N, C-alpha and C. Protein backbone atom coordinates (compact mmCIF):
# COMPACT_ATOMS: atom_id res chain seq x y z
N MET A 1 3.52 4.83 -7.34
CA MET A 1 4.32 2.94 -7.33
C MET A 1 3.08 2.84 -8.75
N LYS A 2 3.86 2.19 -9.50
CA LYS A 2 3.63 2.03 -10.95
C LYS A 2 2.61 0.57 -10.87
N PHE A 3 1.63 0.53 -11.21
CA PHE A 3 0.24 -0.59 -11.37
C PHE A 3 -0.33 -0.44 -13.13
N ARG A 4 -1.42 -1.13 -12.64
CA ARG A 4 -1.86 -1.11 -14.38
C ARG A 4 -3.39 -1.98 -14.31
N LEU A 5 -4.39 -1.47 -14.67
CA LEU A 5 -5.24 -3.06 -14.67
C LEU A 5 -5.39 -3.51 -16.07
N ARG A 6 -5.89 -4.35 -15.19
CA ARG A 6 -5.57 -5.68 -16.42
C ARG A 6 -7.03 -6.71 -16.30
N LYS A 7 -7.51 -7.11 -17.31
CA LYS A 7 -8.37 -7.97 -17.53
C LYS A 7 -8.03 -9.49 -16.18
N TRP A 8 -8.60 -10.24 -15.59
CA TRP A 8 -8.59 -10.94 -14.54
C TRP A 8 -8.20 -12.25 -14.82
N ARG A 9 -6.90 -13.43 -14.51
CA ARG A 9 -6.72 -14.38 -15.24
C ARG A 9 -6.77 -15.48 -14.31
N GLU A 10 -6.51 -16.73 -14.74
CA GLU A 10 -7.29 -17.72 -13.51
C GLU A 10 -6.18 -18.31 -12.53
N ASP A 11 -5.36 -17.90 -12.87
CA ASP A 11 -3.88 -18.20 -11.58
C ASP A 11 -3.66 -17.11 -10.79
N ASP A 12 -4.92 -16.08 -11.26
CA ASP A 12 -4.41 -14.50 -9.66
C ASP A 12 -4.98 -15.02 -8.69
N ALA A 13 -5.34 -16.66 -8.14
CA ALA A 13 -6.62 -17.02 -7.41
C ALA A 13 -5.52 -17.23 -6.16
N LYS A 14 -4.48 -18.05 -6.59
CA LYS A 14 -3.69 -18.43 -5.14
C LYS A 14 -3.06 -17.39 -4.78
N GLY A 15 -2.64 -16.21 -5.72
CA GLY A 15 -1.81 -15.16 -5.39
C GLY A 15 -2.83 -14.16 -4.64
N LEU A 16 -4.18 -13.79 -4.47
CA LEU A 16 -4.51 -12.94 -4.25
C LEU A 16 -5.23 -13.17 -2.48
N VAL A 17 -5.34 -14.58 -2.21
CA VAL A 17 -5.73 -14.73 -1.18
C VAL A 17 -4.74 -14.30 0.19
N PRO A 18 -4.04 -14.44 0.25
CA PRO A 18 -2.76 -13.72 1.42
C PRO A 18 -3.27 -12.28 1.59
N LEU A 19 -3.74 -11.14 0.69
CA LEU A 19 -4.42 -9.78 0.29
C LEU A 19 -5.35 -9.89 0.45
N ALA A 20 -6.47 -10.42 0.16
CA ALA A 20 -8.04 -10.64 0.52
C ALA A 20 -7.94 -11.16 1.64
N ASN A 21 -7.63 -11.99 2.13
CA ASN A 21 -8.06 -12.83 3.73
C ASN A 21 -7.41 -12.16 4.78
N ASN A 22 -8.14 -10.74 4.90
CA ASN A 22 -7.49 -9.73 5.82
C ASN A 22 -8.87 -8.95 6.51
N ARG A 23 -8.93 -9.04 7.88
CA ARG A 23 -10.29 -8.77 8.21
C ARG A 23 -10.54 -7.28 7.76
N LYS A 24 -9.39 -6.46 7.72
CA LYS A 24 -8.60 -4.76 7.68
C LYS A 24 -9.96 -4.76 6.23
N VAL A 25 -9.77 -5.38 5.19
CA VAL A 25 -10.07 -5.45 4.01
C VAL A 25 -11.86 -5.66 3.82
N ALA A 26 -11.83 -6.50 4.58
CA ALA A 26 -12.68 -7.22 4.57
C ALA A 26 -14.59 -6.37 5.54
N ALA A 27 -13.74 -5.34 6.09
CA ALA A 27 -14.31 -4.48 7.31
C ALA A 27 -15.45 -3.62 6.47
N ARG A 28 -14.72 -3.45 5.85
CA ARG A 28 -15.66 -1.89 4.87
C ARG A 28 -16.20 -2.81 3.60
N LEU A 29 -15.95 -4.30 2.68
CA LEU A 29 -16.88 -4.50 2.09
C LEU A 29 -18.03 -4.97 2.63
N ARG A 30 -18.90 -5.13 1.46
CA ARG A 30 -20.23 -5.50 1.81
C ARG A 30 -19.82 -7.07 1.92
N ASN A 31 -21.58 -7.95 2.64
CA ASN A 31 -21.13 -9.29 2.23
C ASN A 31 -20.71 -10.36 1.84
N VAL A 32 -20.73 -9.35 0.06
CA VAL A 32 -20.57 -10.87 -0.36
C VAL A 32 -19.05 -11.13 -0.83
N PHE A 33 -18.39 -10.24 -0.27
CA PHE A 33 -16.63 -10.41 -0.01
C PHE A 33 -16.61 -11.35 1.00
N PRO A 34 -15.94 -11.93 1.41
CA PRO A 34 -16.45 -13.57 2.21
C PRO A 34 -14.62 -12.92 3.15
N TYR A 35 -15.22 -13.06 4.78
CA TYR A 35 -14.27 -13.50 5.09
C TYR A 35 -14.42 -14.10 6.08
N PRO A 36 -13.72 -15.27 6.41
CA PRO A 36 -11.80 -16.01 5.89
C PRO A 36 -12.39 -15.70 4.51
N TYR A 37 -10.80 -15.53 3.29
CA TYR A 37 -11.17 -15.47 1.68
C TYR A 37 -10.43 -16.69 1.68
N THR A 38 -10.92 -17.48 0.58
CA THR A 38 -10.07 -18.83 0.51
C THR A 38 -9.79 -18.43 -0.95
N GLU A 39 -9.09 -19.59 -1.37
CA GLU A 39 -9.12 -19.86 -2.71
C GLU A 39 -9.56 -20.32 -4.01
N LYS A 40 -10.84 -20.71 -3.10
CA LYS A 40 -12.28 -21.48 -3.83
C LYS A 40 -13.21 -19.97 -3.93
N ASP A 41 -13.00 -19.18 -3.19
CA ASP A 41 -13.65 -17.65 -3.30
C ASP A 41 -13.51 -17.12 -4.32
N ALA A 42 -11.81 -16.86 -4.41
CA ALA A 42 -11.10 -16.26 -5.67
C ALA A 42 -11.06 -16.76 -6.36
N ALA A 43 -10.73 -17.83 -7.08
CA ALA A 43 -11.27 -18.83 -7.99
C ALA A 43 -12.75 -18.61 -8.50
N ASP A 44 -14.16 -18.41 -8.01
CA ASP A 44 -15.47 -18.36 -7.78
C ASP A 44 -15.21 -17.05 -8.51
N TYR A 45 -14.56 -15.77 -8.17
CA TYR A 45 -14.97 -14.58 -8.20
C TYR A 45 -14.54 -14.05 -9.48
N ILE A 46 -12.90 -14.65 -10.08
CA ILE A 46 -12.23 -14.97 -10.93
C ILE A 46 -12.96 -15.41 -12.17
N ARG A 47 -13.55 -16.41 -12.22
CA ARG A 47 -14.09 -16.56 -12.66
C ARG A 47 -15.93 -16.14 -13.32
N PHE A 48 -16.18 -15.46 -12.52
CA PHE A 48 -17.27 -14.91 -12.63
C PHE A 48 -17.28 -13.66 -13.48
N CYS A 49 -16.13 -13.12 -13.71
CA CYS A 49 -15.45 -12.33 -13.59
C CYS A 49 -15.36 -12.72 -15.67
N LEU A 50 -14.68 -13.96 -15.43
CA LEU A 50 -14.10 -13.78 -16.81
C LEU A 50 -15.17 -14.30 -17.43
N GLU A 51 -16.46 -14.79 -17.14
CA GLU A 51 -17.44 -15.47 -17.96
C GLU A 51 -18.82 -14.17 -18.17
N SER A 52 -18.95 -13.54 -17.42
CA SER A 52 -20.17 -12.36 -17.57
C SER A 52 -19.61 -10.84 -18.67
N GLY A 53 -18.51 -10.84 -19.50
CA GLY A 53 -19.13 -10.08 -20.47
C GLY A 53 -18.53 -9.01 -19.68
N GLU A 54 -19.34 -7.63 -20.74
CA GLU A 54 -18.84 -6.56 -20.16
C GLU A 54 -20.23 -5.77 -20.18
N GLU A 55 -21.39 -5.96 -20.71
CA GLU A 55 -22.07 -5.55 -21.10
C GLU A 55 -22.95 -4.65 -20.04
N THR A 56 -22.85 -5.51 -18.88
CA THR A 56 -23.47 -4.72 -17.55
C THR A 56 -22.42 -4.66 -16.51
N GLN A 57 -21.04 -5.54 -16.53
CA GLN A 57 -19.87 -5.14 -15.39
C GLN A 57 -18.24 -5.44 -16.31
N ILE A 58 -18.18 -4.12 -15.42
CA ILE A 58 -16.45 -4.13 -15.97
C ILE A 58 -15.50 -4.29 -14.52
N CYS A 59 -15.21 -5.48 -14.44
CA CYS A 59 -13.75 -6.14 -13.43
C CYS A 59 -12.50 -6.26 -14.19
N ARG A 60 -11.77 -5.56 -13.25
CA ARG A 60 -10.24 -5.40 -13.63
C ARG A 60 -9.44 -6.37 -12.08
N ALA A 61 -8.56 -6.28 -12.66
CA ALA A 61 -7.26 -6.74 -11.48
C ALA A 61 -6.22 -5.65 -11.17
N ILE A 62 -6.15 -5.15 -10.31
CA ILE A 62 -5.44 -3.72 -10.13
C ILE A 62 -3.93 -5.55 -10.05
N GLU A 63 -3.31 -4.57 -10.27
CA GLU A 63 -1.73 -5.07 -10.66
C GLU A 63 -0.63 -4.13 -10.43
N ALA A 64 0.06 -4.70 -9.50
CA ALA A 64 1.80 -3.99 -8.91
C ALA A 64 2.26 -5.12 -8.82
N GLU A 65 3.92 -4.56 -8.76
CA GLU A 65 5.14 -6.11 -8.39
C GLU A 65 4.74 -7.20 -9.37
N GLY A 66 4.01 -7.30 -10.45
CA GLY A 66 4.13 -8.45 -11.54
C GLY A 66 3.15 -9.28 -10.90
N LYS A 67 1.59 -8.68 -9.82
CA LYS A 67 0.86 -9.90 -9.39
C LYS A 67 -0.43 -8.68 -8.95
N ALA A 68 -1.43 -9.49 -9.07
CA ALA A 68 -2.80 -8.86 -8.92
C ALA A 68 -2.75 -8.76 -7.18
N VAL A 69 -3.40 -7.70 -6.89
CA VAL A 69 -3.09 -6.88 -5.29
C VAL A 69 -4.24 -6.65 -5.31
N GLY A 70 -5.19 -6.32 -6.02
CA GLY A 70 -6.71 -5.91 -5.37
C GLY A 70 -7.29 -5.98 -6.76
N SER A 71 -8.75 -5.49 -6.45
CA SER A 71 -9.92 -5.49 -7.74
C SER A 71 -10.22 -4.13 -7.76
N ILE A 72 -11.00 -4.11 -9.29
CA ILE A 72 -11.79 -2.67 -8.92
C ILE A 72 -13.45 -2.58 -10.00
N THR A 73 -14.11 -2.47 -10.06
CA THR A 73 -15.34 -3.05 -10.41
C THR A 73 -16.13 -2.00 -11.14
N VAL A 74 -16.56 -1.71 -11.95
CA VAL A 74 -17.84 -0.26 -12.51
C VAL A 74 -18.84 -2.10 -12.48
N THR A 75 -20.14 -0.92 -11.76
CA THR A 75 -21.41 -2.24 -12.65
C THR A 75 -22.67 -1.20 -13.26
N ARG A 76 -23.10 -1.57 -14.01
CA ARG A 76 -23.85 -0.80 -14.92
C ARG A 76 -25.71 -1.12 -14.09
N GLY A 77 -26.44 0.10 -13.95
CA GLY A 77 -27.30 0.06 -13.14
C GLY A 77 -28.33 -0.36 -14.15
N SER A 78 -29.96 -1.17 -13.66
CA SER A 78 -30.89 -1.19 -14.58
C SER A 78 -32.01 -1.23 -14.04
N ASP A 79 -33.05 -0.71 -15.02
CA ASP A 79 -34.37 0.21 -15.02
C ASP A 79 -34.27 1.47 -15.09
N VAL A 80 -34.71 2.64 -13.46
CA VAL A 80 -34.32 3.79 -14.21
C VAL A 80 -32.94 4.27 -13.39
N TYR A 81 -32.07 3.09 -13.26
CA TYR A 81 -31.12 3.69 -13.22
C TYR A 81 -30.05 3.13 -14.15
N GLU A 82 -30.29 2.81 -15.06
CA GLU A 82 -29.38 2.39 -16.46
C GLU A 82 -28.84 3.82 -16.93
N LYS A 83 -28.45 4.37 -16.17
CA LYS A 83 -27.87 5.70 -16.85
C LYS A 83 -26.53 5.58 -15.96
N SER A 84 -27.00 5.05 -14.79
CA SER A 84 -25.70 4.96 -13.61
C SER A 84 -25.26 3.77 -13.40
N ALA A 85 -23.77 3.48 -12.65
CA ALA A 85 -23.38 2.21 -12.73
C ALA A 85 -22.61 2.44 -11.34
N GLU A 86 -22.45 1.73 -10.51
CA GLU A 86 -22.03 1.78 -9.43
C GLU A 86 -20.43 1.13 -9.22
N LEU A 87 -19.56 2.09 -8.24
CA LEU A 87 -17.76 1.36 -8.41
C LEU A 87 -17.65 0.91 -7.02
N GLY A 88 -17.03 -0.13 -6.98
CA GLY A 88 -16.25 -1.06 -6.32
C GLY A 88 -14.92 -1.13 -6.44
N TYR A 89 -13.89 -1.33 -5.11
CA TYR A 89 -13.22 -1.72 -4.87
C TYR A 89 -12.43 -2.00 -4.10
N TRP A 90 -11.36 -2.67 -3.72
CA TRP A 90 -10.56 -3.21 -2.78
C TRP A 90 -8.34 -2.87 -2.97
N LEU A 91 -7.94 -2.73 -1.98
CA LEU A 91 -6.77 -3.31 -2.22
C LEU A 91 -6.01 -3.98 -1.57
N GLY A 92 -5.11 -4.46 -1.72
CA GLY A 92 -4.38 -5.26 -0.43
C GLY A 92 -3.75 -4.97 0.39
N GLU A 93 -3.60 -4.67 1.38
CA GLU A 93 -2.93 -3.77 2.66
C GLU A 93 -1.58 -3.33 2.73
N PRO A 94 -0.84 -4.32 1.79
CA PRO A 94 0.81 -3.65 1.90
C PRO A 94 0.69 -2.27 0.48
N PHE A 95 -0.35 -2.04 -0.18
CA PHE A 95 -0.08 -1.11 -1.31
C PHE A 95 -0.64 -0.34 -0.71
N TRP A 96 -1.72 0.22 0.11
CA TRP A 96 -2.34 1.24 0.43
C TRP A 96 -1.35 2.51 0.31
N GLY A 97 -1.97 3.10 0.69
CA GLY A 97 -1.22 4.45 0.77
C GLY A 97 -0.44 5.07 -0.33
N ARG A 98 -0.12 3.86 -1.63
CA ARG A 98 0.79 4.07 -2.28
C ARG A 98 0.51 5.26 -4.15
N GLY A 99 -1.14 5.79 -3.66
CA GLY A 99 -1.68 5.99 -4.55
C GLY A 99 -1.78 5.83 -5.72
N ILE A 100 -2.31 4.41 -5.63
CA ILE A 100 -2.60 3.47 -6.94
C ILE A 100 -4.02 3.01 -6.84
N MET A 101 -4.71 3.41 -6.16
CA MET A 101 -6.54 3.57 -6.07
C MET A 101 -7.03 4.47 -6.78
N THR A 102 -6.28 5.31 -6.21
CA THR A 102 -6.68 7.29 -7.41
C THR A 102 -6.64 6.71 -8.63
N GLU A 103 -5.30 6.40 -8.75
CA GLU A 103 -5.77 6.51 -10.33
C GLU A 103 -6.25 5.36 -11.00
N ALA A 104 -6.30 4.30 -10.15
CA ALA A 104 -7.06 3.09 -10.31
C ALA A 104 -8.68 3.58 -10.76
N VAL A 105 -9.09 4.34 -9.82
CA VAL A 105 -10.57 4.89 -9.83
C VAL A 105 -10.62 5.55 -11.21
N ARG A 106 -10.14 6.29 -11.16
CA ARG A 106 -9.95 7.62 -12.45
C ARG A 106 -9.88 6.86 -13.92
N GLU A 107 -8.94 5.96 -14.15
CA GLU A 107 -8.94 4.57 -15.38
C GLU A 107 -10.28 4.39 -15.49
N ILE A 108 -10.77 3.49 -14.48
CA ILE A 108 -11.47 2.43 -14.70
C ILE A 108 -13.45 3.64 -15.13
N CYS A 109 -13.00 4.38 -14.40
CA CYS A 109 -14.19 5.50 -14.65
C CYS A 109 -13.95 6.03 -16.19
N ARG A 110 -12.63 6.71 -16.74
CA ARG A 110 -13.33 6.65 -18.29
C ARG A 110 -13.20 5.68 -19.08
N LEU A 111 -12.97 4.60 -18.49
CA LEU A 111 -13.57 2.98 -19.19
C LEU A 111 -14.79 2.56 -19.96
N ALA A 112 -15.06 3.04 -18.14
CA ALA A 112 -16.32 2.89 -18.34
C ALA A 112 -17.33 3.94 -18.75
N PHE A 113 -16.76 5.28 -18.46
CA PHE A 113 -17.95 6.21 -19.64
C PHE A 113 -17.67 6.15 -21.21
N GLU A 114 -16.61 5.17 -21.76
CA GLU A 114 -16.13 5.23 -22.91
C GLU A 114 -16.87 4.13 -23.46
N THR A 115 -16.78 3.21 -22.34
CA THR A 115 -17.77 1.91 -23.11
C THR A 115 -19.36 2.07 -22.50
N TRP A 116 -19.79 2.62 -21.62
CA TRP A 116 -21.38 2.60 -21.73
C TRP A 116 -21.99 4.28 -22.13
N GLU A 117 -23.11 4.52 -22.37
CA GLU A 117 -23.52 5.04 -22.89
C GLU A 117 -24.62 5.89 -20.87
N ILE A 118 -23.41 6.11 -20.12
CA ILE A 118 -23.88 6.14 -19.11
C ILE A 118 -23.49 8.19 -18.57
N GLU A 119 -24.21 8.27 -17.47
CA GLU A 119 -23.88 9.56 -16.87
C GLU A 119 -23.36 9.89 -15.72
N ARG A 120 -23.41 9.07 -15.03
CA ARG A 120 -22.84 9.21 -13.41
C ARG A 120 -22.27 7.42 -13.05
N ILE A 121 -21.28 7.88 -12.46
CA ILE A 121 -21.50 6.41 -11.65
C ILE A 121 -21.31 7.59 -9.97
N PHE A 122 -21.15 6.31 -8.65
CA PHE A 122 -21.65 6.05 -7.43
C PHE A 122 -20.41 5.43 -7.09
N ALA A 123 -20.34 5.52 -5.46
CA ALA A 123 -19.82 4.88 -4.25
C ALA A 123 -20.29 5.09 -3.15
N GLU A 124 -19.91 4.24 -2.41
CA GLU A 124 -20.73 4.21 -1.29
C GLU A 124 -19.72 3.71 0.07
N PRO A 125 -18.65 4.64 0.04
CA PRO A 125 -17.84 4.20 1.25
C PRO A 125 -18.39 4.33 2.73
N TYR A 126 -17.83 3.43 3.48
CA TYR A 126 -18.93 3.46 5.07
C TYR A 126 -18.56 5.12 5.44
N ALA A 127 -18.94 5.53 5.93
CA ALA A 127 -18.55 7.27 6.43
C ALA A 127 -16.74 7.08 6.88
N ASP A 128 -16.77 6.50 8.21
CA ASP A 128 -15.86 6.16 8.73
C ASP A 128 -14.68 5.70 7.64
N ASN A 129 -14.63 5.45 6.79
CA ASN A 129 -13.49 4.75 5.89
C ASN A 129 -12.55 6.34 5.23
N LEU A 130 -12.12 6.75 5.99
CA LEU A 130 -11.70 8.23 5.17
C LEU A 130 -10.82 8.05 4.32
N ARG A 131 -10.04 7.19 3.98
CA ARG A 131 -9.10 6.61 3.25
C ARG A 131 -10.28 6.38 1.39
N SER A 132 -11.24 5.16 1.84
CA SER A 132 -11.38 5.30 0.68
C SER A 132 -11.75 6.65 0.41
N ARG A 133 -12.66 6.63 1.01
CA ARG A 133 -13.70 8.64 0.64
C ARG A 133 -12.23 9.60 -0.11
N ARG A 134 -10.88 9.45 0.62
CA ARG A 134 -10.46 10.64 0.03
C ARG A 134 -9.95 9.71 -0.97
N VAL A 135 -10.18 9.00 -1.71
CA VAL A 135 -10.03 8.26 -3.00
C VAL A 135 -10.25 9.12 -4.05
N LEU A 136 -12.04 8.75 -3.17
CA LEU A 136 -13.11 9.21 -4.50
C LEU A 136 -13.36 10.76 -4.58
N GLU A 137 -12.59 11.72 -3.61
CA GLU A 137 -12.72 12.69 -3.48
C GLU A 137 -11.38 12.79 -4.76
N LYS A 138 -10.24 12.98 -4.09
CA LYS A 138 -9.15 12.64 -5.06
C LYS A 138 -9.56 12.91 -6.93
N ALA A 139 -10.42 11.67 -7.06
CA ALA A 139 -10.39 10.70 -8.03
C ALA A 139 -11.35 11.88 -8.73
N GLY A 140 -12.02 13.23 -8.18
CA GLY A 140 -13.06 13.94 -8.58
C GLY A 140 -14.61 13.32 -8.20
N PHE A 141 -15.02 12.79 -7.07
CA PHE A 141 -15.88 12.22 -6.96
C PHE A 141 -16.66 13.98 -5.75
N SER A 142 -17.61 13.37 -6.49
CA SER A 142 -18.16 14.77 -4.85
C SER A 142 -19.59 14.05 -4.09
N LEU A 143 -19.07 14.51 -2.61
CA LEU A 143 -19.64 14.10 -2.16
C LEU A 143 -21.41 14.41 -1.79
N GLU A 144 -22.43 13.49 -1.51
CA GLU A 144 -23.69 13.60 -2.12
C GLU A 144 -24.35 14.09 -1.11
N GLY A 145 -24.19 12.57 0.04
CA GLY A 145 -25.16 12.96 1.45
C GLY A 145 -24.62 11.15 2.05
N THR A 146 -24.87 11.56 3.54
CA THR A 146 -24.43 10.48 4.42
C THR A 146 -25.98 9.63 4.26
N MET A 147 -26.14 8.10 4.18
CA MET A 147 -27.05 7.55 4.82
C MET A 147 -27.00 6.86 6.47
N ARG A 148 -27.34 7.89 7.48
CA ARG A 148 -27.25 7.50 8.85
C ARG A 148 -27.54 5.55 8.81
N ARG A 149 -27.09 5.18 9.55
CA ARG A 149 -27.34 3.50 9.93
C ARG A 149 -27.39 3.15 8.75
N GLY A 150 -26.92 3.04 7.47
CA GLY A 150 -27.66 2.74 6.81
C GLY A 150 -26.71 1.52 6.25
N VAL A 151 -25.87 0.78 6.34
CA VAL A 151 -25.22 -0.66 6.30
C VAL A 151 -24.93 -1.37 7.56
N CYS A 152 -25.22 -2.85 7.83
CA CYS A 152 -25.31 -3.30 8.81
C CYS A 152 -23.97 -4.26 8.45
N LYS A 153 -22.87 -4.22 8.92
CA LYS A 153 -21.91 -5.63 9.00
C LYS A 153 -21.45 -5.96 10.33
N TRP A 154 -21.34 -7.43 10.04
CA TRP A 154 -21.45 -7.77 10.98
C TRP A 154 -21.79 -7.75 12.72
N GLY A 155 -23.02 -7.67 12.37
CA GLY A 155 -23.30 -7.21 13.55
C GLY A 155 -23.45 -5.56 13.95
N GLU A 156 -23.17 -5.01 13.29
CA GLU A 156 -22.68 -3.19 13.51
C GLU A 156 -23.48 -1.88 12.50
N PHE A 157 -23.98 -1.65 13.08
CA PHE A 157 -24.78 -0.43 12.36
C PHE A 157 -23.51 0.93 11.63
N PHE A 158 -23.24 0.94 10.08
CA PHE A 158 -22.62 2.25 9.91
C PHE A 158 -23.55 3.15 9.14
N ASP A 159 -22.78 4.50 8.93
CA ASP A 159 -23.35 5.56 8.34
C ASP A 159 -22.19 5.59 6.99
N TYR A 160 -23.42 5.11 5.78
CA TYR A 160 -21.78 5.05 4.27
C TYR A 160 -22.26 6.80 3.75
N CYS A 161 -21.70 6.90 3.04
CA CYS A 161 -21.73 8.45 2.52
C CYS A 161 -21.72 7.97 0.83
N MET A 162 -22.65 8.80 0.57
CA MET A 162 -23.05 8.37 -1.41
C MET A 162 -21.74 9.64 -2.07
N TYR A 163 -21.17 8.95 -2.15
CA TYR A 163 -20.33 10.13 -4.08
C TYR A 163 -20.96 9.90 -5.19
N ALA A 164 -20.66 10.73 -5.77
CA ALA A 164 -20.81 10.48 -7.55
C ALA A 164 -19.81 10.88 -8.34
N LEU A 165 -19.50 10.89 -9.67
CA LEU A 165 -18.88 11.57 -10.43
C LEU A 165 -19.92 11.62 -11.29
N LEU A 166 -19.77 12.98 -12.30
CA LEU A 166 -20.68 13.00 -13.55
C LEU A 166 -19.92 13.30 -15.03
N LYS A 167 -20.40 12.57 -16.02
CA LYS A 167 -19.31 12.27 -17.43
C LYS A 167 -18.82 13.21 -17.50
N GLU A 168 -19.40 15.42 -17.07
CA GLU A 168 -18.57 16.06 -17.58
C GLU A 168 -17.70 16.14 -16.73
N GLU A 169 -17.57 15.93 -15.19
CA GLU A 169 -16.84 16.54 -14.31
C GLU A 169 -15.68 15.43 -14.32
N LEU A 170 -15.31 14.14 -15.51
CA LEU A 170 -14.34 13.07 -15.78
C LEU A 170 -12.84 14.21 -16.56
N GLU A 171 -12.01 14.31 -15.33
CA GLU A 171 -10.75 14.80 -15.65
C GLU A 171 -10.08 14.46 -17.04
C-alpha cells in the first residue's frame, strides 16, 4: 500500500482519533499514549511534535489514503546514550498487515542516521507483539534480548524485547 512519512499538521488531530482510540493499539504502547484517546490528546501530541524541533526527536505522521493513519518517532538519547536513539510507532488497525510499517521504519531510520551522529537505533516491543517484532526483523533489526516482566501495563506484567539496528547494518 502506498504511504508517505510527513511532518504533522494541526488539522490531522480530528481524523487521527478514530484510529488512535483503539484498545488494541493502546494495549502495546507506553502509558504516555492515552486510552481512551481524545481529540485534545491528538492536538496536544501534534503541537508537541511541531514545537519540538528535530535536535532530539524526529516525529512523522504516516499518511495513507490522503490522511494521517499512524505515527513514527525516533528520539535521540542523552548522556552515555547520546549515540543511540529509540524508535516508537503505531498504526491504525485498518492499515495493519499492508507492509506500511516495515517501510516506514526503514525510512525513518535512514533519516535519523543521516540527521544525527548516532550509531544505534533501538526499539522495545512487548514480547507477545509478534507483528511489531516481525516489522523490526524485516527492517533489519536484530533481537538482542528479552527483559522478563520488564513492563507493567494496565496492572499486568509483560516481557519486552530489545531490538537494535546499527548504522552499518542499514539496508
